[in-house]
Amino acid sequence: MSALRLLSRIVAAVVGGYALSAGLAALGAIALAHVMARSEAVVLTAMLGFLLYLTALIWAFAERRLWTVWAVLVGGGAASLGLALWLASLTAGDMKA
């Protein structure tokens, strides 16, 4: 593996894994805020986000194709953050305190 490909994989794992875990944590917190207190939903999804980030980091180095790593992590992160923002705008005043 060349140094450039390794650097690209590291950047994809760190940045893309963070984007994916942050996006899914935000999406989960918004979804769970309807069935539990908002603060508890945020704490629960933040803790699960750490596990997801670790899983994404490990998977990024286990996957053979570099383009798949970039597509899944960065694409999934962008999609989940976009969906979380859209869902938050729909349910702005409809959550439990």
PDB file of N, CA and C in Angstrom:
ATOM      1  N   MET A   1       0.858  -1.175   0.000  1.00  0.00           N
ATOM      2  CA  MET A   1       0.000   0.000   0.000  1.00  0.00           C
ATOM      3  C   MET A   1       0.903   1.237   0.000  1.00  0.00           C
ATOM      4  N   SER A   2       0.653   2.137  -0.906  1.00  0.00           N
ATOM      5  CA  SER A   2       1.476   3.333  -0.996  1.00  0.00           C
ATOM      6  C   SER A   2       1.153   4.288   0.158  1.00  0.00           C
ATOM      7  N   ALA A   3       2.054   5.210   0.385  1.00  0.00           N
ATOM      8  CA  ALA A   3       1.880   6.162   1.483  1.00  0.00           C
ATOM      9  C   ALA A   3       0.661   7.063   1.249  1.00  0.00           C
ATOM     10  N   LEU A   4       0.414   7.430  -0.004  1.00  0.00           N
ATOM     11  CA  LEU A   4      -0.727   8.285  -0.311  1.00  0.00           C
ATOM     12  C   LEU A   4      -2.051   7.563  -0.066  1.00  0.00           C
ATOM     13  N   ARG A   5      -2.111   6.297  -0.445  1.00  0.00           N
ATOM     14  CA  ARG A   5      -3.335   5.522  -0.205  1.00  0.00           C
ATOM     15  C   ARG A   5      -3.565   5.314   1.293  1.00  0.00           C
ATOM     16  N   LEU A   6      -2.487   5.092   2.029  1.00  0.00           N
ATOM     17  CA  LEU A   6      -2.608   4.926   3.477  1.00  0.00           C
ATOM     18  C   LEU A   6      -3.080   6.217   4.132  1.00  0.00           C
ATOM     19  N   LEU A   7      -2.526   7.335   3.717  1.00  0.00           N
ATOM     20  CA  LEU A   7      -2.953   8.625   4.250  1.00  0.00           C
ATOM     21  C   LEU A   7      -4.416   8.902   3.912  1.00  0.00           C
ATOM     22  N   SER A   8      -4.820   8.561   2.699  1.00  0.00           N
ATOM     23  CA  SER A   8      -6.209   8.735   2.296  1.00  0.00           C
ATOM     24  C   SER A   8      -7.140   7.867   3.138  1.00  0.00           C
ATOM     25  N   ARG A   9      -6.725   6.660   3.431  1.00  0.00           N
ATOM     26  CA  ARG A   9      -7.536   5.754   4.253  1.00  0.00           C
ATOM     27  C   ARG A   9      -7.632   6.272   5.691  1.00  0.00           C
ATOM     28  N   ILE A  10      -6.532   6.813   6.208  1.00  0.00           N
ATOM     29  CA  ILE A  10      -6.545   7.357   7.568  1.00  0.00           C
ATOM     30  C   ILE A  10      -7.479   8.565   7.656  1.00  0.00           C
ATOM     31  N   VAL A  11      -7.388   9.449   6.679  1.00  0.00           N
ATOM     32  CA  VAL A  11      -8.264  10.633   6.664  1.00  0.00           C
ATOM     33  C   VAL A  11      -9.723  10.208   6.523  1.00  0.00           C
ATOM     34  N   ALA A  12      -9.989   9.246   5.661  1.00  0.00           N
ATOM     35  CA  ALA A  12     -11.360   8.763   5.496  1.00  0.00           C
ATOM     36  C   ALA A  12     -11.875   8.145   6.784  1.00  0.00           C
ATOM     37  N   ALA A  13     -11.031   7.384   7.460  1.00  0.00           N
ATOM     38  CA  ALA A  13     -11.456   6.732   8.702  1.00  0.00           C
ATOM     39  C   ALA A  13     -11.742   7.753   9.794  1.00  0.00           C
ATOM     40  N   VAL A  14     -10.849   8.705   9.960  1.00  0.00           N
ATOM     41  CA  VAL A  14     -11.002   9.676  11.053  1.00  0.00           C
ATOM     42  C   VAL A  14     -12.121  10.673  10.754  1.00  0.00           C
ATOM     43  N   VAL A  15     -12.056  11.317   9.600  1.00  0.00           N
ATOM     44  CA  VAL A  15     -13.038  12.351   9.269  1.00  0.00           C
ATOM     45  C   VAL A  15     -14.395  11.736   8.906  1.00  0.00           C
ATOM     46  N   GLY A  16     -14.358  10.741   8.035  1.00  0.00           N
ATOM     47  CA  GLY A  16     -15.614  10.108   7.631  1.00  0.00           C
ATOM     48  C   GLY A  16     -16.280   9.353   8.764  1.00  0.00           C
ATOM     49  N   GLY A  17     -15.483   8.676   9.586  1.00  0.00           N
ATOM     50  CA  GLY A  17     -16.048   7.971  10.740  1.00  0.00           C
ATOM     51  C   GLY A  17     -16.686   8.929  11.719  1.00  0.00           C
ATOM     52  N   TYR A  18     -16.038  10.075  11.929  1.00  0.00           N
ATOM     53  CA  TYR A  18     -16.618  11.090  12.810  1.00  0.00           C
ATOM     54  C   TYR A  18     -17.912  11.628  12.222  1.00  0.00           C
ATOM     55  N   ALA A  19     -17.917  11.929  10.933  1.00  0.00           N
ATOM     56  CA  ALA A  19     -19.124  12.454  10.293  1.00  0.00           C
ATOM     57  C   ALA A  19     -20.275  11.454  10.387  1.00  0.00           C
ATOM     58  N   LEU A  20     -19.968  10.183  10.151  1.00  0.00           N
ATOM     59  CA  LEU A  20     -21.010   9.161  10.214  1.00  0.00           C
ATOM     60  C   LEU A  20     -21.543   9.001  11.631  1.00  0.00           C
ATOM     61  N   SER A  21     -20.658   8.912  12.615  1.00  0.00           N
ATOM     62  CA  SER A  21     -21.123   8.710  13.987  1.00  0.00           C
ATOM     63  C   SER A  21     -21.846   9.948  14.517  1.00  0.00           C
ATOM     64  N   ALA A  22     -21.375  11.141  14.172  1.00  0.00           N
ATOM     65  CA  ALA A  22     -22.054  12.357  14.616  1.00  0.00           C
ATOM     66  C   ALA A  22     -23.428  12.491  13.962  1.00  0.00           C
ATOM     67  N   GLY A  23     -23.497  12.185  12.673  1.00  0.00           N
ATOM     68  CA  GLY A  23     -24.782  12.279  11.979  1.00  0.00           C
ATOM     69  C   GLY A  23     -25.804  11.290  12.502  1.00  0.00           C
ATOM     70  N   LEU A  24     -25.363  10.056  12.717  1.00  0.00           N
ATOM     71  CA  LEU A  24     -26.304   9.054  13.230  1.00  0.00           C
ATOM     72  C   LEU A  24     -26.671   9.311  14.692  1.00  0.00           C
ATOM     73  N   ALA A  25     -25.743   9.866  15.470  1.00  0.00           N
ATOM     74  CA  ALA A  25     -26.065  10.228  16.853  1.00  0.00           C
ATOM     75  C   ALA A  25     -27.092  11.361  16.886  1.00  0.00           C
ATOM     76  N   ALA A  26     -26.923  12.344  16.019  1.00  0.00           N
ATOM     77  CA  ALA A  26     -27.893  13.441  15.950  1.00  0.00           C
ATOM     78  C   ALA A  26     -29.259  12.936  15.489  1.00  0.00           C
ATOM     79  N   LEU A  27     -29.245  12.089  14.498  1.00  0.00           N
ATOM     80  CA  LEU A  27     -30.498  11.524  14.000  1.00  0.00           C
ATOM     81  C   LEU A  27     -31.184  10.682  15.071  1.00  0.00           C
ATOM     82  N   GLY A  28     -30.411   9.879  15.772  1.00  0.00           N
ATOM     83  CA  GLY A  28     -30.977   9.062  16.848  1.00  0.00           C
ATOM     84  C   GLY A  28     -31.507   9.895  17.988  1.00  0.00           C
ATOM     85  N   ALA A  29     -30.802  10.967  18.346  1.00  0.00           N
ATOM     86  CA  ALA A  29     -31.268  11.827  19.437  1.00  0.00           C
ATOM     87  C   ALA A  29     -32.584  12.505  19.077  1.00  0.00           C
ATOM     88  N   ILE A  30     -32.697  12.938  17.839  1.00  0.00           N
ATOM     89  CA  ILE A  30     -33.944  13.576  17.408  1.00  0.00           C
ATOM     90  C   ILE A  30     -35.085  12.566  17.408  1.00  0.00           C
ATOM     91  N   ALA A  31     -34.807  11.354  16.936  1.00  0.00           N
ATOM     92  CA  ALA A  31     -35.855  10.330  16.885  1.00  0.00           C
ATOM     93  C   ALA A  31     -36.255   9.872  18.284  1.00  0.00           C
ATOM     94  N   LEU A  32     -35.281   9.698  19.170  1.00  0.00           N
ATOM     95  CA  LEU A  32     -35.591   9.221  20.517  1.00  0.00           C
ATOM     96  C   LEU A  32     -36.182  10.294  21.417  1.00  0.00           C
ATOM     97  N   ALA A  33     -36.031  11.562  21.052  1.00  0.00           N
ATOM     98  CA  ALA A  33     -36.574  12.643  21.865  1.00  0.00           C
ATOM     99  C   ALA A  33     -38.103  12.605  21.920  1.00  0.00           C
ATOM    100  N   HIS A  34     -38.717  11.839  21.049  1.00  0.00           N
ATOM    101  CA  HIS A  34     -40.170  11.717  21.059  1.00  0.00           C
ATOM    102  C   HIS A  34     -40.659  10.690  22.057  1.00  0.00           C
ATOM    103  N   VAL A  35     -39.785   9.788  22.505  1.00  0.00           N
ATOM    104  CA  VAL A  35     -40.211   8.730  23.424  1.00  0.00           C
ATOM    105  C   VAL A  35     -39.536   8.817  24.782  1.00  0.00           C
ATOM    106  N   MET A  36     -38.543   9.676  24.943  1.00  0.00           N
ATOM    107  CA  MET A  36     -37.884   9.865  26.242  1.00  0.00           C
ATOM    108  C   MET A  36     -37.459  11.316  26.356  1.00  0.00           C
ATOM    109  N   ALA A  37     -36.973  11.678  27.518  1.00  0.00           N
ATOM    110  CA  ALA A  37     -36.524  13.053  27.721  1.00  0.00           C
ATOM    111  C   ALA A  37     -35.380  13.366  26.754  1.00  0.00           C
ATOM    112  N   ARG A  38     -35.352  14.586  26.266  1.00  0.00           N
ATOM    113  CA  ARG A  38     -34.365  14.979  25.272  1.00  0.00           C
ATOM    114  C   ARG A  38     -32.931  14.795  25.781  1.00  0.00           C
ATOM    115  N   SER A  39     -32.685  15.143  27.047  1.00  0.00           N
ATOM    116  CA  SER A  39     -31.333  15.009  27.593  1.00  0.00           C
ATOM    117  C   SER A  39     -30.901  13.548  27.656  1.00  0.00           C
ATOM    118  N   GLU A  40     -31.819  12.656  28.004  1.00  0.00           N
ATOM    119  CA  GLU A  40     -31.490  11.231  28.042  1.00  0.00           C
ATOM    120  C   GLU A  40     -31.249  10.682  26.640  1.00  0.00           C
ATOM    121  N   ALA A  41     -32.005  11.155  25.675  1.00  0.00           N
ATOM    122  CA  ALA A  41     -31.823  10.717  24.293  1.00  0.00           C
ATOM    123  C   ALA A  41     -30.460  11.151  23.767  1.00  0.00           C
ATOM    124  N   VAL A  42     -30.043  12.354  24.101  1.00  0.00           N
ATOM    125  CA  VAL A  42     -28.747  12.859  23.647  1.00  0.00           C
ATOM    126  C   VAL A  42     -27.616  12.059  24.283  1.00  0.00           C
ATOM    127  N   VAL A  43     -27.705  11.799  25.575  1.00  0.00           N
ATOM    128  CA  VAL A  43     -26.649  11.040  26.256  1.00  0.00           C
ATOM    129  C   VAL A  43     -26.577   9.614  25.717  1.00  0.00           C
ATOM    130  N   LEU A  44     -27.709   8.970  25.525  1.00  0.00           N
ATOM    131  CA  LEU A  44     -27.732   7.599  25.008  1.00  0.00           C
ATOM    132  C   LEU A  44     -27.111   7.518  23.619  1.00  0.00           C
ATOM    133  N   THR A  45     -27.519   8.396  22.735  1.00  0.00           N
ATOM    134  CA  THR A  45     -26.987   8.324  21.377  1.00  0.00           C
ATOM    135  C   THR A  45     -25.526   8.771  21.304  1.00  0.00           C
ATOM    136  N   ALA A  46     -25.100   9.645  22.219  1.00  0.00           N
ATOM    137  CA  ALA A  46     -23.683  10.021  22.254  1.00  0.00           C
ATOM    138  C   ALA A  46     -22.826   8.830  22.665  1.00  0.00           C
ATOM    139  N   MET A  47     -23.284   8.062  23.634  1.00  0.00           N
ATOM    140  CA  MET A  47     -22.537   6.868  24.046  1.00  0.00           C
ATOM    141  C   MET A  47     -22.509   5.828  22.928  1.00  0.00           C
ATOM    142  N   LEU A  48     -23.620   5.649  22.250  1.00  0.00           N
ATOM    143  CA  LEU A  48     -23.647   4.715  21.127  1.00  0.00           C
ATOM    144  C   LEU A  48     -22.805   5.228  19.965  1.00  0.00           C
ATOM    145  N   GLY A  49     -22.688   6.542  19.846  1.00  0.00           N
ATOM    146  CA  GLY A  49     -21.871   7.138  18.803  1.00  0.00           C
ATOM    147  C   GLY A  49     -20.396   6.784  18.948  1.00  0.00           C
ATOM    148  N   PHE A  50     -19.912   6.673  20.198  1.00  0.00           N
ATOM    149  CA  PHE A  50     -18.525   6.265  20.408  1.00  0.00           C
ATOM    150  C   PHE A  50     -18.287   4.846  19.904  1.00  0.00           C
ATOM    151  N   LEU A  51     -19.237   3.964  20.153  1.00  0.00           N
ATOM    152  CA  LEU A  51     -19.110   2.587  19.654  1.00  0.00           C
ATOM    153  C   LEU A  51     -19.168   2.549  18.132  1.00  0.00           C
ATOM    154  N   LEU A  52     -20.038   3.352  17.563  1.00  0.00           N
ATOM    155  CA  LEU A  52     -20.140   3.410  16.110  1.00  0.00           C
ATOM    156  C   LEU A  52     -18.861   3.967  15.495  1.00  0.00           C
ATOM    157  N   TYR A  53     -18.267   4.968  16.123  1.00  0.00           N
ATOM    158  CA  TYR A  53     -17.019   5.550  15.625  1.00  0.00           C
ATOM    159  C   TYR A  53     -15.901   4.520  15.647  1.00  0.00           C
ATOM    160  N   LEU A  54     -15.800   3.769  16.726  1.00  0.00           N
ATOM    161  CA  LEU A  54     -14.796   2.716  16.811  1.00  0.00           C
ATOM    162  C   LEU A  54     -15.013   1.669  15.724  1.00  0.00           C
ATOM    163  N   THR A  55     -16.254   1.279  15.514  1.00  0.00           N
ATOM    164  CA  THR A  55     -16.577   0.298  14.478  1.00  0.00           C
ATOM    165  C   THR A  55     -16.220   0.830  13.089  1.00  0.00           C
ATOM    166  N   ALA A  56     -16.516   2.088  12.850  1.00  0.00           N
ATOM    167  CA  ALA A  56     -16.196   2.692  11.543  1.00  0.00           C
ATOM    168  C   ALA A  56     -14.689   2.752  11.321  1.00  0.00           C
ATOM    169  N   LEU A  57     -13.933   3.075  12.364  1.00  0.00           N
ATOM    170  CA  LEU A  57     -12.472   3.117  12.240  1.00  0.00           C
ATOM    171  C   LEU A  57     -11.912   1.738  11.901  1.00  0.00           C
ATOM    172  N   ILE A  58     -12.379   0.730  12.585  1.00  0.00           N
ATOM    173  CA  ILE A  58     -11.892  -0.629  12.326  1.00  0.00           C
ATOM    174  C   ILE A  58     -12.289  -1.076  10.925  1.00  0.00           C
ATOM    175  N   TRP A  59     -13.542  -0.811  10.542  1.00  0.00           N
ATOM    176  CA  TRP A  59     -14.017  -1.237   9.227  1.00  0.00           C
ATOM    177  C   TRP A  59     -13.244  -0.543   8.102  1.00  0.00           C
ATOM    178  N   ALA A  60     -12.867   0.729   8.325  1.00  0.00           N
ATOM    179  CA  ALA A  60     -12.160   1.478   7.284  1.00  0.00           C
ATOM    180  C   ALA A  60     -10.835   0.823   6.915  1.00  0.00           C
ATOM    181  N   PHE A  61     -10.217   0.128   7.840  1.00  0.00           N
ATOM    182  CA  PHE A  61      -8.952  -0.539   7.537  1.00  0.00           C
ATOM    183  C   PHE A  61      -9.154  -2.004   7.148  1.00  0.00           C
ATOM    184  N   ALA A  62     -10.317  -2.545   7.400  1.00  0.00           N
ATOM    185  CA  ALA A  62     -10.602  -3.923   6.999  1.00  0.00           C
ATOM    186  C   ALA A  62     -11.106  -4.008   5.558  1.00  0.00           C
ATOM    187  N   GLU A  63     -11.759  -2.957   5.087  1.00  0.00           N
ATOM    188  CA  GLU A  63     -12.312  -2.940   3.722  1.00  0.00           C
ATOM    189  C   GLU A  63     -11.175  -2.821   2.714  1.00  0.00           C
ATOM    190  N   ARG A  64     -11.262  -3.608   1.651  1.00  0.00           N
ATOM    191  CA  ARG A  64     -10.207  -3.608   0.626  1.00  0.00           C
ATOM    192  C   ARG A  64     -10.263  -2.390  -0.284  1.00  0.00           C
ATOM    193  N   ARG A  65     -11.459  -1.994  -0.696  1.00  0.00           N
ATOM    194  CA  ARG A  65     -11.587  -0.917  -1.679  1.00  0.00           C
ATOM    195  C   ARG A  65     -11.672   0.446  -0.986  1.00  0.00           C
ATOM    196  N   LEU A  66     -10.751   1.308  -1.337  1.00  0.00           N
ATOM    197  CA  LEU A  66     -10.681   2.631  -0.722  1.00  0.00           C
ATOM    198  C   LEU A  66     -11.878   3.491  -1.083  1.00  0.00           C
ATOM    199  N   TRP A  67     -12.357   3.386  -2.316  1.00  0.00           N
ATOM    200  CA  TRP A  67     -13.505   4.202  -2.718  1.00  0.00           C
ATOM    201  C   TRP A  67     -14.759   3.818  -1.940  1.00  0.00           C
ATOM    202  N   THR A  68     -14.872   2.555  -1.553  1.00  0.00           N
ATOM    203  CA  THR A  68     -16.018   2.124  -0.751  1.00  0.00           C
ATOM    204  C   THR A  68     -15.967   2.762   0.634  1.00  0.00           C
ATOM    205  N   VAL A  69     -14.780   2.832   1.194  1.00  0.00           N
ATOM    206  CA  VAL A  69     -14.615   3.461   2.502  1.00  0.00           C
ATOM    207  C   VAL A  69     -15.047   4.922   2.446  1.00  0.00           C
ATOM    208  N   TRP A  70     -14.550   5.649   1.452  1.00  0.00           N
ATOM    209  CA  TRP A  70     -14.924   7.052   1.306  1.00  0.00           C
ATOM    210  C   TRP A  70     -16.426   7.208   1.080  1.00  0.00           C
ATOM    211  N   ALA A  71     -16.979   6.388   0.203  1.00  0.00           N
ATOM    212  CA  ALA A  71     -18.401   6.519  -0.134  1.00  0.00           C
ATOM    213  C   ALA A  71     -19.294   6.242   1.072  1.00  0.00           C
ATOM    214  N   VAL A  72     -18.996   5.189   1.797  1.00  0.00           N
ATOM    215  CA  VAL A  72     -19.851   4.822   2.928  1.00  0.00           C
ATOM    216  C   VAL A  72     -19.707   5.820   4.075  1.00  0.00           C
ATOM    217  N   LEU A  73     -18.482   6.146   4.445  1.00  0.00           N
ATOM    218  CA  LEU A  73     -18.289   7.001   5.609  1.00  0.00           C
ATOM    219  C   LEU A  73     -18.671   8.449   5.350  1.00  0.00           C
ATOM    220  N   VAL A  74     -18.148   9.030   4.297  1.00  0.00           N
ATOM    221  CA  VAL A  74     -18.457  10.437   4.034  1.00  0.00           C
ATOM    222  C   VAL A  74     -19.880  10.589   3.490  1.00  0.00           C
ATOM    223  N   GLY A  75     -20.271   9.715   2.581  1.00  0.00           N
ATOM    224  CA  GLY A  75     -21.634   9.774   2.054  1.00  0.00           C
ATOM    225  C   GLY A  75     -22.681   9.500   3.119  1.00  0.00           C
ATOM    226  N   GLY A  76     -22.432   8.499   3.935  1.00  0.00           N
ATOM    227  CA  GLY A  76     -23.359   8.191   5.023  1.00  0.00           C
ATOM    228  C   GLY A  76     -23.424   9.296   6.055  1.00  0.00           C
ATOM    229  N   GLY A  77     -22.273   9.899   6.339  1.00  0.00           N
ATOM    230  CA  GLY A  77     -22.250  11.017   7.283  1.00  0.00           C
ATOM    231  C   GLY A  77     -23.018  12.213   6.767  1.00  0.00           C
ATOM    232  N   ALA A  78     -22.813  12.550   5.508  1.00  0.00           N
ATOM    233  CA  ALA A  78     -23.527  13.683   4.921  1.00  0.00           C
ATOM    234  C   ALA A  78     -25.031  13.410   4.853  1.00  0.00           C
ATOM    235  N   ALA A  79     -25.387  12.208   4.477  1.00  0.00           N
ATOM    236  CA  ALA A  79     -26.811  11.862   4.383  1.00  0.00           C
ATOM    237  C   ALA A  79     -27.484  11.882   5.755  1.00  0.00           C
ATOM    238  N   SER A  80     -26.818  11.321   6.761  1.00  0.00           N
ATOM    239  CA  SER A  80     -27.435  11.285   8.085  1.00  0.00           C
ATOM    240  C   SER A  80     -27.510  12.669   8.716  1.00  0.00           C
ATOM    241  N   LEU A  81     -26.486  13.498   8.517  1.00  0.00           N
ATOM    242  CA  LEU A  81     -26.561  14.870   9.030  1.00  0.00           C
ATOM    243  C   LEU A  81     -27.655  15.670   8.320  1.00  0.00           C
ATOM    244  N   GLY A  82     -27.761  15.493   7.014  1.00  0.00           N
ATOM    245  CA  GLY A  82     -28.823  16.175   6.278  1.00  0.00           C
ATOM    246  C   GLY A  82     -30.206  15.738   6.710  1.00  0.00           C
ATOM    247  N   LEU A  83     -30.368  14.442   6.905  1.00  0.00           N
ATOM    248  CA  LEU A  83     -31.655  13.922   7.368  1.00  0.00           C
ATOM    249  C   LEU A  83     -31.965  14.397   8.777  1.00  0.00           C
ATOM    250  N   ALA A  84     -30.953  14.461   9.637  1.00  0.00           N
ATOM    251  CA  ALA A  84     -31.166  14.943  11.004  1.00  0.00           C
ATOM    252  C   ALA A  84     -31.589  16.414  11.002  1.00  0.00           C
ATOM    253  N   LEU A  85     -30.939  17.219  10.179  1.00  0.00           N
ATOM    254  CA  LEU A  85     -31.323  18.630  10.097  1.00  0.00           C
ATOM    255  C   LEU A  85     -32.738  18.803   9.550  1.00  0.00           C
ATOM    256  N   TRP A  86     -33.070  18.020   8.560  1.00  0.00           N
ATOM    257  CA  TRP A  86     -34.422  18.095   7.997  1.00  0.00           C
ATOM    258  C   TRP A  86     -35.466  17.657   9.024  1.00  0.00           C
ATOM    259  N   LEU A  87     -35.184  16.558   9.728  1.00  0.00           N
ATOM    260  CA  LEU A  87     -36.127  16.063  10.728  1.00  0.00           C
ATOM    261  C   LEU A  87     -36.254  17.040  11.891  1.00  0.00           C
ATOM    262  N   ALA A  88     -35.158  17.688  12.264  1.00  0.00           N
ATOM    263  CA  ALA A  88     -35.207  18.680  13.342  1.00  0.00           C
ATOM    264  C   ALA A  88     -36.053  19.883  12.948  1.00  0.00           C
ATOM    265  N   SER A  89     -35.992  20.271  11.682  1.00  0.00           N
ATOM    266  CA  SER A  89     -36.803  21.413  11.252  1.00  0.00           C
ATOM    267  C   SER A  89     -38.282  21.068  11.230  1.00  0.00           C
ATOM    268  N   LEU A  90     -38.604  19.799  11.006  1.00  0.00           N
ATOM    269  CA  LEU A  90     -40.004  19.391  11.013  1.00  0.00           C
ATOM    270  C   LEU A  90     -40.587  19.285  12.407  1.00  0.00           C
ATOM    271  N   THR A  91     -39.758  18.880  13.362  1.00  0.00           N
ATOM    272  CA  THR A  91     -40.233  18.605  14.717  1.00  0.00           C
ATOM    273  C   THR A  91     -39.649  19.577  15.733  1.00  0.00           C
ATOM    274  N   ALA A  92     -39.478  20.835  15.358  1.00  0.00           N
ATOM    275  CA  ALA A  92     -38.793  21.802  16.233  1.00  0.00           C
ATOM    276  C   ALA A  92     -39.510  22.009  17.561  1.00  0.00           C
ATOM    277  N   GLY A  93     -40.800  22.131  17.584  1.00  0.00           N
ATOM    278  CA  GLY A  93     -41.506  22.386  18.830  1.00  0.00           C
ATOM    279  C   GLY A  93     -42.293  21.206  19.354  1.00  0.00           C
ATOM    280  N   ASP A  94     -41.957  20.005  18.874  1.00  0.00           N
ATOM    281  CA  ASP A  94     -42.782  18.841  19.162  1.00  0.00           C
ATOM    282  C   ASP A  94     -42.086  17.825  20.067  1.00  0.00           C
ATOM    283  N   MET A  95     -40.998  18.197  20.748  1.00  0.00           N
ATOM    284  CA  MET A  95     -40.248  17.230  21.551  1.00  0.00           C
ATOM    285  C   MET A  95     -40.563  17.388  23.027  1.00  0.00           C
ATOM    286  N   LYS A  96     -40.312  16.316  23.774  1.00  0.00           N
ATOM    287  CA  LYS A  96     -40.506  16.351  25.222  1.00  0.00           C
ATOM    288  C   LYS A  96     -39.370  17.145  25.849  1.00  0.00           C
ATOM    289  N   ALA A  97     -39.658  17.849  26.915  1.00  0.00           N
ATOM    290  CA  ALA A  97     -38.625  18.620  27.608  1.00  0.00           C
ATOM    291  C   ALA A  97     -37.863  17.784  28.527  1.00  0.00           C
TER     292      ALA A  97
END
